[in-house]
Amino acid sequence: MATDSNKDADILAQVNELVSEEQELRAKLQHREIDETEEHRRLRGLEVQLDQCWDLLRQRRALRETGQDPDQATVRPEKEVEGYLG
């Protein structure tokens, strides 16, 4: 079970890294180190990765709660994960 918690912690660490990168991009835009087009393009990629991480954590939690192996959870493609929003 410790391994299971470690995997969740690894996913959360990745979320934290992506959020830090998002904040860094916003700061770069504010300091005019990048333009809005570049910021939007890169932010879009980060948003997809964040959505995939959160989806993976939700899958793992659901599998765990139903007595199944959380390691069966997989990263879903962008179109599937982003489709939840529409």
N, C-alpha and C. Protein backbone atom coordinates (compact mmCIF):
# COMPACT_ATOMS: atom_id res chain seq x y z
N MET A 1 0.83 -1.21 0.00
CA MET A 1 0.00 0.00 0.00
C MET A 1 0.87 1.27 0.00
N ALA A 2 2.05 1.17 0.57
CA ALA A 2 2.94 2.33 0.58
C ALA A 2 3.31 2.74 -0.84
N THR A 3 3.53 1.74 -1.69
CA THR A 3 3.85 2.02 -3.08
C THR A 3 2.70 2.78 -3.74
N ASP A 4 1.48 2.37 -3.41
CA ASP A 4 0.28 3.00 -3.94
C ASP A 4 0.25 4.48 -3.57
N SER A 5 0.53 4.79 -2.32
CA SER A 5 0.55 6.18 -1.86
C SER A 5 1.68 6.96 -2.52
N ASN A 6 2.81 6.29 -2.73
CA ASN A 6 3.94 6.95 -3.38
C ASN A 6 3.59 7.36 -4.80
N LYS A 7 2.84 6.51 -5.51
CA LYS A 7 2.46 6.86 -6.88
C LYS A 7 1.54 8.07 -6.89
N ASP A 8 0.61 8.12 -5.95
CA ASP A 8 -0.26 9.30 -5.84
C ASP A 8 0.58 10.54 -5.53
N ALA A 9 1.54 10.38 -4.64
CA ALA A 9 2.41 11.51 -4.27
C ALA A 9 3.23 11.96 -5.47
N ASP A 10 3.68 11.01 -6.29
CA ASP A 10 4.43 11.37 -7.50
C ASP A 10 3.56 12.18 -8.46
N ILE A 11 2.32 11.78 -8.61
CA ILE A 11 1.40 12.50 -9.49
C ILE A 11 1.15 13.90 -8.94
N LEU A 12 0.96 14.01 -7.63
CA LEU A 12 0.75 15.33 -7.02
C LEU A 12 1.99 16.20 -7.15
N ALA A 13 3.17 15.60 -7.06
CA ALA A 13 4.41 16.36 -7.25
C ALA A 13 4.46 16.91 -8.68
N GLN A 14 4.02 16.10 -9.64
CA GLN A 14 3.99 16.56 -11.02
C GLN A 14 3.00 17.72 -11.17
N VAL A 15 1.86 17.63 -10.50
CA VAL A 15 0.88 18.72 -10.52
C VAL A 15 1.52 19.99 -10.00
N ASN A 16 2.24 19.88 -8.89
CA ASN A 16 2.89 21.06 -8.30
C ASN A 16 3.93 21.66 -9.25
N GLU A 17 4.67 20.80 -9.95
CA GLU A 17 5.65 21.29 -10.92
C GLU A 17 4.96 22.04 -12.07
N LEU A 18 3.85 21.49 -12.54
CA LEU A 18 3.12 22.12 -13.64
C LEU A 18 2.54 23.47 -13.21
N VAL A 19 2.03 23.53 -11.98
CA VAL A 19 1.48 24.79 -11.47
C VAL A 19 2.60 25.83 -11.34
N SER A 20 3.77 25.41 -10.89
CA SER A 20 4.92 26.33 -10.80
C SER A 20 5.31 26.84 -12.17
N GLU A 21 5.30 25.94 -13.15
CA GLU A 21 5.63 26.35 -14.51
C GLU A 21 4.60 27.33 -15.05
N GLU A 22 3.34 27.10 -14.70
CA GLU A 22 2.27 28.01 -15.12
C GLU A 22 2.50 29.40 -14.53
N GLN A 23 2.84 29.45 -13.26
CA GLN A 23 3.12 30.74 -12.60
C GLN A 23 4.32 31.43 -13.23
N GLU A 24 5.32 30.65 -13.58
CA GLU A 24 6.53 31.18 -14.21
C GLU A 24 6.18 31.82 -15.57
N LEU A 25 5.33 31.13 -16.33
CA LEU A 25 4.92 31.67 -17.64
C LEU A 25 4.20 33.01 -17.47
N ARG A 26 3.31 33.06 -16.50
CA ARG A 26 2.57 34.31 -16.28
C ARG A 26 3.51 35.45 -15.88
N ALA A 27 4.51 35.12 -15.07
CA ALA A 27 5.50 36.13 -14.68
C ALA A 27 6.32 36.59 -15.88
N LYS A 28 6.69 35.64 -16.76
CA LYS A 28 7.46 35.99 -17.95
C LYS A 28 6.65 36.92 -18.86
N LEU A 29 5.36 36.66 -18.96
CA LEU A 29 4.50 37.53 -19.77
C LEU A 29 4.47 38.93 -19.14
N GLN A 30 4.29 38.97 -17.85
CA GLN A 30 4.23 40.24 -17.14
C GLN A 30 5.52 41.05 -17.32
N HIS A 31 6.64 40.35 -17.37
CA HIS A 31 7.93 41.02 -17.55
C HIS A 31 8.32 41.13 -19.02
N ARG A 32 7.39 40.80 -19.89
CA ARG A 32 7.56 40.90 -21.34
C ARG A 32 8.73 40.05 -21.87
N GLU A 33 8.96 38.92 -21.20
CA GLU A 33 10.00 37.99 -21.67
C GLU A 33 9.44 37.08 -22.77
N ILE A 34 8.10 36.93 -22.77
CA ILE A 34 7.41 36.19 -23.84
C ILE A 34 6.18 36.99 -24.22
N ASP A 35 5.64 36.72 -25.42
CA ASP A 35 4.43 37.43 -25.81
C ASP A 35 3.20 36.58 -25.47
N GLU A 36 2.02 37.19 -25.63
CA GLU A 36 0.77 36.51 -25.27
C GLU A 36 0.54 35.24 -26.06
N THR A 37 0.92 35.24 -27.32
CA THR A 37 0.73 34.05 -28.16
C THR A 37 1.52 32.88 -27.60
N GLU A 38 2.77 33.15 -27.26
CA GLU A 38 3.62 32.10 -26.68
C GLU A 38 3.07 31.63 -25.34
N GLU A 39 2.64 32.59 -24.51
CA GLU A 39 2.09 32.24 -23.21
C GLU A 39 0.87 31.35 -23.37
N HIS A 40 -0.05 31.73 -24.25
CA HIS A 40 -1.28 30.95 -24.45
C HIS A 40 -0.97 29.55 -24.97
N ARG A 41 -0.04 29.46 -25.89
CA ARG A 41 0.31 28.16 -26.45
C ARG A 41 0.87 27.24 -25.37
N ARG A 42 1.79 27.78 -24.59
CA ARG A 42 2.41 26.97 -23.55
C ARG A 42 1.45 26.68 -22.40
N LEU A 43 0.61 27.64 -22.07
CA LEU A 43 -0.37 27.41 -21.01
C LEU A 43 -1.36 26.31 -21.40
N ARG A 44 -1.74 26.30 -22.67
CA ARG A 44 -2.67 25.27 -23.14
C ARG A 44 -2.07 23.88 -22.92
N GLY A 45 -0.81 23.72 -23.23
CA GLY A 45 -0.15 22.44 -23.00
C GLY A 45 -0.11 22.06 -21.53
N LEU A 46 0.16 23.04 -20.68
CA LEU A 46 0.18 22.79 -19.24
C LEU A 46 -1.20 22.41 -18.72
N GLU A 47 -2.23 23.10 -19.21
CA GLU A 47 -3.59 22.81 -18.78
C GLU A 47 -3.98 21.37 -19.11
N VAL A 48 -3.60 20.92 -20.30
CA VAL A 48 -3.91 19.54 -20.70
C VAL A 48 -3.20 18.56 -19.77
N GLN A 49 -1.92 18.81 -19.50
CA GLN A 49 -1.17 17.92 -18.62
C GLN A 49 -1.76 17.91 -17.21
N LEU A 50 -2.17 19.08 -16.72
CA LEU A 50 -2.80 19.14 -15.40
C LEU A 50 -4.11 18.36 -15.38
N ASP A 51 -4.93 18.53 -16.41
CA ASP A 51 -6.19 17.79 -16.48
C ASP A 51 -5.94 16.29 -16.51
N GLN A 52 -4.90 15.87 -17.22
CA GLN A 52 -4.57 14.44 -17.28
C GLN A 52 -4.12 13.93 -15.91
N CYS A 53 -3.35 14.71 -15.19
CA CYS A 53 -2.91 14.31 -13.85
C CYS A 53 -4.10 14.18 -12.90
N TRP A 54 -4.97 15.18 -12.90
CA TRP A 54 -6.15 15.12 -12.02
C TRP A 54 -7.05 13.96 -12.39
N ASP A 55 -7.21 13.70 -13.68
CA ASP A 55 -8.02 12.58 -14.13
C ASP A 55 -7.41 11.26 -13.65
N LEU A 56 -6.09 11.14 -13.75
CA LEU A 56 -5.41 9.93 -13.32
C LEU A 56 -5.61 9.71 -11.81
N LEU A 57 -5.50 10.77 -11.03
CA LEU A 57 -5.73 10.66 -9.59
C LEU A 57 -7.18 10.24 -9.30
N ARG A 58 -8.14 10.80 -10.03
CA ARG A 58 -9.55 10.41 -9.84
C ARG A 58 -9.75 8.94 -10.18
N GLN A 59 -9.15 8.49 -11.27
CA GLN A 59 -9.25 7.08 -11.65
C GLN A 59 -8.68 6.18 -10.56
N ARG A 60 -7.50 6.55 -10.07
CA ARG A 60 -6.85 5.74 -9.03
C ARG A 60 -7.70 5.68 -7.77
N ARG A 61 -8.28 6.80 -7.40
CA ARG A 61 -9.14 6.85 -6.21
C ARG A 61 -10.37 5.96 -6.40
N ALA A 62 -10.99 6.06 -7.56
CA ALA A 62 -12.19 5.26 -7.84
C ALA A 62 -11.87 3.77 -7.82
N LEU A 63 -10.76 3.39 -8.43
CA LEU A 63 -10.36 1.98 -8.43
C LEU A 63 -10.09 1.49 -7.01
N ARG A 64 -9.38 2.31 -6.25
CA ARG A 64 -9.06 1.95 -4.87
C ARG A 64 -10.34 1.79 -4.04
N GLU A 65 -11.29 2.72 -4.20
CA GLU A 65 -12.53 2.68 -3.42
C GLU A 65 -13.41 1.48 -3.76
N THR A 66 -13.24 0.93 -4.96
CA THR A 66 -14.05 -0.23 -5.36
C THR A 66 -13.27 -1.53 -5.21
N GLY A 67 -12.14 -1.47 -4.49
CA GLY A 67 -11.36 -2.66 -4.21
C GLY A 67 -10.52 -3.16 -5.37
N GLN A 68 -10.35 -2.33 -6.38
CA GLN A 68 -9.55 -2.72 -7.53
C GLN A 68 -8.14 -2.13 -7.42
N ASP A 69 -7.28 -2.55 -8.31
CA ASP A 69 -5.89 -2.11 -8.31
C ASP A 69 -5.78 -0.72 -8.94
N PRO A 70 -5.38 0.29 -8.16
CA PRO A 70 -5.26 1.65 -8.71
C PRO A 70 -4.22 1.76 -9.82
N ASP A 71 -3.30 0.78 -9.88
CA ASP A 71 -2.30 0.80 -10.94
C ASP A 71 -2.89 0.49 -12.31
N GLN A 72 -4.16 0.10 -12.35
CA GLN A 72 -4.84 -0.11 -13.63
C GLN A 72 -5.21 1.21 -14.29
N ALA A 73 -5.17 2.30 -13.53
CA ALA A 73 -5.48 3.62 -14.08
C ALA A 73 -4.43 4.00 -15.11
N THR A 74 -4.87 4.66 -16.15
CA THR A 74 -3.95 5.07 -17.21
C THR A 74 -4.19 6.54 -17.57
N VAL A 75 -3.15 7.16 -18.10
CA VAL A 75 -3.30 8.54 -18.58
C VAL A 75 -4.15 8.48 -19.84
N ARG A 76 -5.23 9.22 -19.82
CA ARG A 76 -6.12 9.23 -20.98
C ARG A 76 -5.68 10.29 -21.98
N PRO A 77 -6.01 10.07 -23.25
CA PRO A 77 -5.63 11.03 -24.29
C PRO A 77 -6.28 12.40 -24.06
N GLU A 78 -5.63 13.42 -24.59
CA GLU A 78 -6.12 14.80 -24.43
C GLU A 78 -7.58 14.94 -24.83
N LYS A 79 -7.95 14.39 -25.98
CA LYS A 79 -9.33 14.56 -26.44
C LYS A 79 -10.33 13.97 -25.48
N GLU A 80 -9.99 12.89 -24.84
CA GLU A 80 -10.90 12.26 -23.88
C GLU A 80 -11.00 13.08 -22.60
N VAL A 81 -9.86 13.48 -22.07
CA VAL A 81 -9.83 14.25 -20.82
C VAL A 81 -10.47 15.63 -21.03
N GLU A 82 -10.13 16.29 -22.12
CA GLU A 82 -10.67 17.62 -22.40
C GLU A 82 -12.15 17.55 -22.76
N GLY A 83 -12.61 16.40 -23.23
CA GLY A 83 -14.02 16.22 -23.58
C GLY A 83 -14.94 16.32 -22.39
N TYR A 84 -14.38 16.11 -21.16
CA TYR A 84 -15.20 16.21 -19.96
C TYR A 84 -15.72 17.63 -19.77
N LEU A 85 -14.96 18.59 -20.27
CA LEU A 85 -15.31 19.99 -20.04
C LEU A 85 -16.44 20.45 -20.95
N GLY A 86 -16.58 19.82 -22.10
CA GLY A 86 -17.56 20.26 -23.08
C GLY A 86 -18.82 19.58 -22.91
